[in-house]
Amino acid sequence: MKTRTVKLGNLQIGGKHPVRVKGMLKTPYSDLKGLIREARQLEEEGAEALRVAVREESNAGIVKIFKKEGIKVPLVADIHFHYKTALAAIDNGFDGIRLNPLNITKPGEIRQVVKEAKIHKIPIRVGVNSGGFKKGFSSSRQLAAQMVSSVGRYIRILEKESFFDIMVSLKGSDAESTIIANELFARKFDYPLHLGITATGSYLSGVVKSSIGLGAVLSKGIGNIIRVSLTAPSFLEIRVAKYILQALKLRTYGPEIVSCPTCSRCEVKLINIVDRFEAELTGSGLSAPIRIALMGCVVNGPGEARQADIGAAFGKKKAIIFRKDKILRQSDEKNIIKDLLQEARKIWM
């Protein structure tokens, strides 16, 4: 689906540009060193933009510290309740701001923020979350329609000021309302969409909700930047976001591992092998977008290994390493990680 292109710092979002990954910092302001360390970690993990909660005007100067410390990705101020905090964030040099249409509502105040955003040439994300409504809804569709309606009214205020550098987010705490809301919005508007599920719960629950919700919307060509929200360390959010995009073939982040779930036919400790192989692969320097199979038995193992770029299939404690239909060598449980990496390096490094 066609969308406008919005520039966030040095990052192009929307149009034909790839789906981007955004992170959000979780360290409190009281731990400044930790906050900077977290920002660096997320940048190294692959975050292409970072959102920072700016609670008060006095917090807005944090952006200068980040930039002084060498953080290069665009920085977005997350603003709620107080429009003057948005003005301070813009004045201090944030690359973008997020406004909540459910708690910054006075047209005059919104217009002041828009005026400054135009002067500084930065975009505004209009972001609504299901938790911002102080009432319940009879269905996911009713909630989704309300989110779209709230965002639509806000957009009209911005457009009346001839401001079109707009991104939008519509996040429910469940996959269904989020999917419906983003599909409804995409039919009516062409602004870039920031996708996410909010308040997803614990790590595993959050991964499942985010994968289903974001995957369903992205698979329809809707969405331009994603932020995975987990009650977990922020670097895991970036990793999960990258896995989602790679699984949908929207971005490539290096090798992909294919491995079986194991069953009673498996005679090796495959779970341990795959965990150790993934750790070795991460530090190997092998960054080619290849598919590597590690399979535990002869039922699907040889087929998956042959269908991957390179792979190994175990039989009785022994493994055959394949490259497509060619058998490269034999290995075993003790040596398979070293041998498989060695064969991969011969081809792609």
Protein backbone atom coordinates (compact mmCIF):
# COMPACT_ATOMS: atom_id res chain seq x y z
CA MET A 1 0.00 0.00 0.00
CA LYS A 2 1.22 3.48 -0.83
CA THR A 3 2.23 5.81 1.98
CA ARG A 4 3.84 9.20 2.16
CA THR A 5 7.51 9.36 3.02
CA VAL A 6 8.41 11.07 6.29
CA LYS A 7 11.95 11.97 7.28
CA LEU A 8 12.95 11.27 10.88
CA GLY A 9 16.45 12.67 11.30
CA ASN A 10 18.47 10.81 8.68
CA LEU A 11 15.89 8.02 8.43
CA GLN A 12 13.34 7.75 5.61
CA ILE A 13 10.08 6.15 6.71
CA GLY A 14 7.20 5.16 4.44
CA GLY A 15 6.99 5.04 0.68
CA LYS A 16 9.23 2.35 -0.79
CA HIS A 17 11.67 2.42 2.11
CA PRO A 18 12.11 -0.76 4.19
CA VAL A 19 10.18 -1.33 7.39
CA ARG A 20 12.24 0.20 10.20
CA VAL A 21 12.88 -0.99 13.75
CA LYS A 22 12.38 1.34 16.71
CA GLY A 23 13.38 0.79 20.32
CA MET A 24 12.40 2.53 23.55
CA LEU A 25 14.69 3.26 26.47
CA LYS A 26 13.69 1.82 29.86
CA THR A 27 16.47 2.99 32.18
CA PRO A 28 15.38 5.79 34.56
CA TYR A 29 16.87 9.26 34.23
CA SER A 30 18.46 8.85 37.66
CA ASP A 31 20.90 6.36 36.09
CA LEU A 32 22.34 8.51 33.32
CA LYS A 33 25.29 6.21 32.59
CA GLY A 34 22.92 3.25 32.37
CA LEU A 35 20.60 5.19 30.07
CA ILE A 36 23.44 6.00 27.67
CA ARG A 37 24.67 2.40 27.87
CA GLU A 38 21.20 1.14 26.99
CA ALA A 39 20.95 3.51 24.03
CA ARG A 40 24.30 2.27 22.69
CA GLN A 41 23.23 -1.35 23.17
CA LEU A 42 20.00 -0.85 21.23
CA GLU A 43 21.85 0.94 18.45
CA GLU A 44 24.29 -1.97 18.23
CA GLU A 45 21.39 -4.46 18.22
CA GLY A 46 19.96 -2.78 15.15
CA ALA A 47 17.49 -0.16 16.39
CA GLU A 48 17.12 2.50 13.71
CA ALA A 49 15.34 5.00 15.97
CA LEU A 50 14.96 5.36 19.72
CA ARG A 51 12.03 6.69 21.70
CA VAL A 52 12.64 8.44 25.01
CA ALA A 53 9.94 9.17 27.57
CA VAL A 54 10.12 12.92 28.30
CA ARG A 55 7.96 13.48 31.37
CA GLU A 56 8.86 17.08 32.15
CA GLU A 57 10.36 20.07 30.40
CA SER A 58 13.53 19.61 32.46
CA ASN A 59 14.03 16.15 30.91
CA ALA A 60 14.15 17.47 27.36
CA GLY A 61 17.86 18.31 27.49
CA ILE A 62 18.71 14.59 27.61
CA VAL A 63 18.79 14.59 23.81
CA LYS A 64 21.89 16.83 23.84
CA ILE A 65 23.68 14.37 26.11
CA PHE A 66 22.82 11.44 23.85
CA LYS A 67 24.14 13.23 20.79
CA LYS A 68 27.26 14.36 22.63
CA GLU A 69 27.86 10.73 23.63
CA GLY A 70 27.75 9.68 19.97
CA ILE A 71 24.27 8.16 19.67
CA LYS A 72 23.62 8.43 15.94
CA VAL A 73 20.11 7.05 15.45
CA PRO A 74 17.18 9.49 15.40
CA LEU A 75 15.72 10.24 18.83
CA VAL A 76 11.98 10.66 19.41
CA ALA A 77 10.47 12.32 22.47
CA ASP A 78 7.44 10.52 23.89
CA ILE A 79 5.13 13.27 25.19
CA HIS A 80 1.98 13.05 27.28
CA PHE A 81 -0.29 15.54 29.09
CA HIS A 82 1.79 18.72 28.76
CA TYR A 83 2.23 20.48 25.42
CA LYS A 84 5.04 22.66 26.78
CA THR A 85 7.09 19.49 27.27
CA ALA A 86 6.73 18.92 23.53
CA LEU A 87 7.91 22.47 22.84
CA ALA A 88 10.95 21.91 25.08
CA ALA A 89 11.75 18.62 23.33
CA ILE A 90 11.65 20.28 19.93
CA ASP A 91 13.75 23.22 21.10
CA ASN A 92 16.41 20.91 22.57
CA GLY A 93 16.89 19.01 19.33
CA PHE A 94 14.81 15.82 19.31
CA ASP A 95 14.39 14.44 15.79
CA GLY A 96 10.70 13.77 16.26
CA ILE A 97 7.94 13.81 18.85
CA ARG A 98 5.01 11.60 19.74
CA LEU A 99 1.78 13.27 20.84
CA ASN A 100 -1.08 11.42 22.50
CA PRO A 101 -4.44 12.58 21.09
CA LEU A 102 -6.16 11.39 24.27
CA ASN A 103 -4.29 13.64 26.70
CA ILE A 104 -3.03 16.65 24.70
CA THR A 105 -6.33 17.83 23.29
CA LYS A 106 -6.65 21.62 23.22
CA PRO A 107 -6.49 22.83 19.59
CA GLY A 108 -4.57 25.98 20.51
CA GLU A 109 -1.87 23.99 22.29
CA ILE A 110 -1.65 21.50 19.43
CA ARG A 111 -1.24 24.34 16.96
CA GLN A 112 1.66 25.76 18.96
CA VAL A 113 3.45 22.41 18.83
CA VAL A 114 2.77 22.11 15.10
CA LYS A 115 4.17 25.59 14.49
CA GLU A 116 7.46 24.67 16.20
CA ALA A 117 7.64 21.29 14.47
CA LYS A 118 7.31 23.04 11.11
CA ILE A 119 10.07 25.49 11.96
CA HIS A 120 12.43 22.70 13.04
CA LYS A 121 11.30 20.37 10.21
CA ILE A 122 10.58 17.38 12.42
CA PRO A 123 7.70 14.88 12.19
CA ILE A 124 4.94 14.27 14.70
CA ARG A 125 3.65 10.80 15.50
CA VAL A 126 0.03 10.76 16.54
CA GLY A 127 -0.04 7.75 18.83
CA VAL A 128 -3.09 6.28 20.55
CA ASN A 129 -3.08 3.24 22.85
CA SER A 130 -6.12 1.30 24.03
CA GLY A 131 -5.26 2.09 27.65
CA GLY A 132 -5.72 5.79 26.97
CA PHE A 133 -9.50 5.36 26.89
CA LYS A 134 -11.06 5.51 30.34
CA LYS A 135 -13.84 3.08 29.47
CA GLY A 136 -14.45 -0.43 28.26
CA PHE A 137 -15.53 -1.57 24.79
CA SER A 138 -17.98 -4.25 23.74
CA SER A 139 -15.71 -5.63 21.01
CA SER A 140 -12.29 -5.34 19.44
CA ARG A 141 -13.87 -3.73 16.39
CA GLN A 142 -15.51 -1.02 18.51
CA LEU A 143 -12.16 -0.27 20.19
CA ALA A 144 -10.38 -0.21 16.83
CA ALA A 145 -12.94 2.17 15.33
CA GLN A 146 -12.58 4.49 18.33
CA MET A 147 -8.78 4.54 17.97
CA VAL A 148 -9.04 5.42 14.28
CA SER A 149 -11.65 8.10 14.96
CA SER A 150 -9.48 9.74 17.65
CA VAL A 151 -6.44 9.78 15.39
CA GLY A 152 -8.46 11.07 12.44
CA ARG A 153 -9.72 14.10 14.40
CA TYR A 154 -6.16 14.92 15.45
CA ILE A 155 -4.83 14.60 11.93
CA ARG A 156 -7.41 17.10 10.70
CA ILE A 157 -6.12 19.67 13.18
CA LEU A 158 -2.56 19.15 11.94
CA GLU A 159 -3.59 19.27 8.28
CA LYS A 160 -5.45 22.56 8.81
CA GLU A 161 -2.06 23.98 9.80
CA SER A 162 -0.63 22.63 6.51
CA PHE A 163 1.39 20.07 8.44
CA PHE A 164 1.77 16.67 6.79
CA ASP A 165 4.96 15.22 8.32
CA ILE A 166 2.80 12.81 10.27
CA MET A 167 3.18 9.23 11.44
CA VAL A 168 0.46 7.33 13.23
CA SER A 169 0.23 4.46 15.71
CA LEU A 170 -2.86 2.58 16.86
CA LYS A 171 -2.00 0.02 19.52
CA GLY A 172 -4.28 -2.30 21.42
CA SER A 173 -3.10 -4.67 24.12
CA ASP A 174 -4.44 -7.53 22.00
CA ALA A 175 -3.67 -8.56 18.46
CA GLU A 176 -7.23 -8.42 17.12
CA SER A 177 -8.02 -4.77 17.89
CA THR A 178 -4.57 -3.71 16.67
CA ILE A 179 -4.96 -5.54 13.37
CA ILE A 180 -8.44 -4.12 12.75
CA ALA A 181 -7.43 -0.56 13.68
CA ASN A 182 -4.42 -0.48 11.38
CA GLU A 183 -6.37 -1.99 8.49
CA LEU A 184 -9.18 0.56 8.96
CA PHE A 185 -6.69 3.43 9.09
CA ALA A 186 -4.80 2.25 6.00
CA ARG A 187 -8.02 2.32 3.96
CA LYS A 188 -8.66 5.97 4.84
CA PHE A 189 -5.21 7.60 5.07
CA ASP A 190 -1.79 7.35 3.47
CA TYR A 191 0.38 8.39 6.42
CA PRO A 192 3.17 6.03 7.56
CA LEU A 193 2.15 3.62 10.30
CA HIS A 194 4.19 2.80 13.38
CA LEU A 195 3.07 -0.69 14.42
CA GLY A 196 3.07 -2.30 17.83
CA ILE A 197 1.03 -4.15 20.43
CA THR A 198 0.98 -2.37 23.78
CA ALA A 199 1.06 -3.90 27.28
CA THR A 200 1.68 -7.40 25.90
CA GLY A 201 2.52 -9.05 29.20
CA SER A 202 5.46 -11.31 30.00
CA TYR A 203 8.18 -12.15 27.51
CA LEU A 204 6.64 -15.23 25.91
CA SER A 205 3.13 -13.78 25.84
CA GLY A 206 4.50 -10.57 24.34
CA VAL A 207 6.44 -12.36 21.64
CA VAL A 208 3.34 -14.32 20.61
CA LYS A 209 1.01 -11.29 20.58
CA SER A 210 3.54 -9.13 18.72
CA SER A 211 4.32 -11.81 16.15
CA ILE A 212 0.65 -12.47 15.41
CA GLY A 213 -0.46 -8.83 15.41
CA LEU A 214 2.45 -7.26 13.57
CA GLY A 215 2.84 -10.22 11.25
CA ALA A 216 -0.82 -10.10 10.18
CA VAL A 217 -0.67 -6.39 9.37
CA LEU A 218 2.78 -6.41 7.74
CA SER A 219 1.84 -9.39 5.55
CA LYS A 220 -0.84 -7.17 3.95
CA GLY A 221 1.70 -4.49 3.06
CA ILE A 222 0.64 -2.22 5.94
CA GLY A 223 3.22 -0.71 8.29
CA ASN A 224 6.43 1.28 7.99
CA ILE A 225 8.15 1.13 11.38
CA ILE A 226 7.70 -1.34 14.23
CA ARG A 227 8.33 -1.36 17.93
CA VAL A 228 7.94 -4.62 19.83
CA SER A 229 6.86 -4.00 23.43
CA LEU A 230 7.80 -6.62 26.02
CA THR A 231 7.96 -6.71 29.80
CA ALA A 232 11.59 -7.65 29.32
CA PRO A 233 14.96 -6.01 28.62
CA SER A 234 14.80 -3.60 25.69
CA PHE A 235 17.49 -5.33 23.61
CA LEU A 236 15.19 -8.37 23.35
CA GLU A 237 12.52 -6.15 21.79
CA ILE A 238 14.92 -5.25 18.98
CA ARG A 239 15.85 -8.89 18.41
CA VAL A 240 12.23 -9.99 18.24
CA ALA A 241 11.39 -7.15 15.83
CA LYS A 242 14.21 -8.25 13.54
CA TYR A 243 13.08 -11.89 13.68
CA ILE A 244 9.55 -10.84 12.69
CA LEU A 245 10.78 -8.81 9.71
CA GLN A 246 13.16 -11.55 8.59
CA ALA A 247 10.50 -14.25 8.90
CA LEU A 248 8.25 -12.18 6.60
CA LYS A 249 11.18 -11.61 4.20
CA LEU A 250 10.84 -7.85 4.66
CA ARG A 251 14.39 -7.37 5.96
CA THR A 252 17.52 -9.52 6.11
CA TYR A 253 19.71 -9.61 9.20
CA GLY A 254 22.18 -12.37 8.41
CA PRO A 255 21.88 -16.16 8.66
CA GLU A 256 18.60 -17.85 9.56
CA ILE A 257 18.62 -21.12 11.48
CA VAL A 258 16.11 -23.84 10.64
CA SER A 259 15.90 -26.60 13.26
CA CYS A 260 13.41 -29.29 14.21
CA PRO A 261 11.50 -29.38 17.51
CA THR A 262 12.95 -32.87 18.25
CA CYS A 263 10.96 -35.99 19.08
CA SER A 264 11.66 -39.46 20.44
CA ARG A 265 13.45 -40.36 17.20
CA CYS A 266 16.16 -37.79 17.91
CA GLU A 267 19.29 -39.38 19.39
CA VAL A 268 21.35 -36.24 19.98
CA LYS A 269 20.93 -33.25 22.30
CA LEU A 270 19.73 -31.04 19.48
CA ILE A 271 18.33 -28.22 21.63
CA ASN A 272 21.74 -27.77 23.23
CA ILE A 273 23.48 -28.03 19.85
CA VAL A 274 21.24 -25.35 18.29
CA ASP A 275 21.68 -22.99 21.26
CA ARG A 276 25.47 -23.34 21.12
CA PHE A 277 25.52 -23.04 17.33
CA GLU A 278 23.48 -19.83 17.45
CA ALA A 279 25.88 -18.36 20.01
CA GLU A 280 28.89 -19.31 17.89
CA LEU A 281 27.23 -17.99 14.75
CA THR A 282 26.59 -14.61 16.39
CA GLY A 283 30.31 -14.10 17.01
CA SER A 284 31.53 -15.75 13.82
CA GLY A 285 31.47 -12.72 11.54
CA LEU A 286 29.26 -14.66 9.11
CA SER A 287 26.67 -12.13 7.99
CA ALA A 288 25.48 -13.51 4.66
CA PRO A 289 21.67 -13.86 4.40
CA ILE A 290 21.80 -17.65 4.27
CA ARG A 291 19.53 -20.39 5.59
CA ILE A 292 21.25 -22.97 7.81
CA ALA A 293 19.45 -26.18 8.83
CA LEU A 294 20.19 -28.29 11.90
CA MET A 295 17.93 -31.32 11.99
CA GLY A 296 17.71 -34.18 14.46
CA CYS A 297 16.57 -37.22 12.50
CA VAL A 298 16.20 -38.83 9.07
CA VAL A 299 12.47 -38.13 8.56
CA ASN A 300 12.60 -34.45 7.57
CA GLY A 301 16.26 -33.83 8.25
CA PRO A 302 17.82 -34.58 4.84
CA GLY A 303 15.07 -32.66 3.02
CA GLU A 304 15.37 -29.55 5.17
CA ALA A 305 19.17 -29.71 4.99
CA ARG A 306 19.07 -29.93 1.20
CA GLN A 307 16.50 -27.13 0.90
CA ALA A 308 18.63 -24.79 3.04
CA ASP A 309 21.78 -23.11 1.73
CA ILE A 310 23.74 -25.42 3.99
CA GLY A 311 22.57 -27.88 6.59
CA ALA A 312 23.16 -30.93 8.71
CA ALA A 313 20.91 -33.91 9.39
CA PHE A 314 21.57 -36.40 12.17
CA GLY A 315 20.99 -40.13 12.10
CA LYS A 316 22.38 -42.37 14.82
CA LYS A 317 24.76 -39.92 16.50
CA LYS A 318 26.25 -39.06 13.11
CA ALA A 319 25.40 -36.10 10.91
CA ILE A 320 25.69 -35.48 7.19
CA ILE A 321 26.46 -31.90 6.13
CA PHE A 322 24.76 -30.91 2.88
CA ARG A 323 25.05 -27.98 0.54
CA LYS A 324 21.90 -28.28 -1.53
CA ASP A 325 22.07 -31.81 -3.04
CA LYS A 326 25.79 -32.19 -2.46
CA ILE A 327 27.11 -34.08 0.57
CA LEU A 328 30.07 -32.12 1.94
CA ARG A 329 31.18 -34.32 4.81
CA GLN A 330 30.21 -36.39 7.82
CA SER A 331 30.31 -35.08 11.37
CA ASP A 332 29.11 -36.02 14.85
CA GLU A 333 27.49 -34.48 17.92
CA LYS A 334 30.81 -33.37 19.36
CA ASN A 335 32.13 -31.66 16.22
CA ILE A 336 29.03 -30.54 14.32
CA ILE A 337 29.17 -26.87 15.38
CA LYS A 338 32.79 -26.45 14.38
CA ASP A 339 32.37 -28.46 11.16
CA LEU A 340 29.20 -26.71 10.01
CA LEU A 341 30.65 -23.25 10.65
CA GLN A 342 33.83 -24.24 8.85
CA GLU A 343 31.91 -25.32 5.76
CA ALA A 344 29.78 -22.17 5.84
CA ARG A 345 32.86 -19.95 6.05
CA LYS A 346 34.43 -21.68 3.01
CA ILE A 347 31.48 -20.60 0.92
CA TRP A 348 30.38 -17.24 2.27
CA MET A 349 33.40 -15.58 3.84
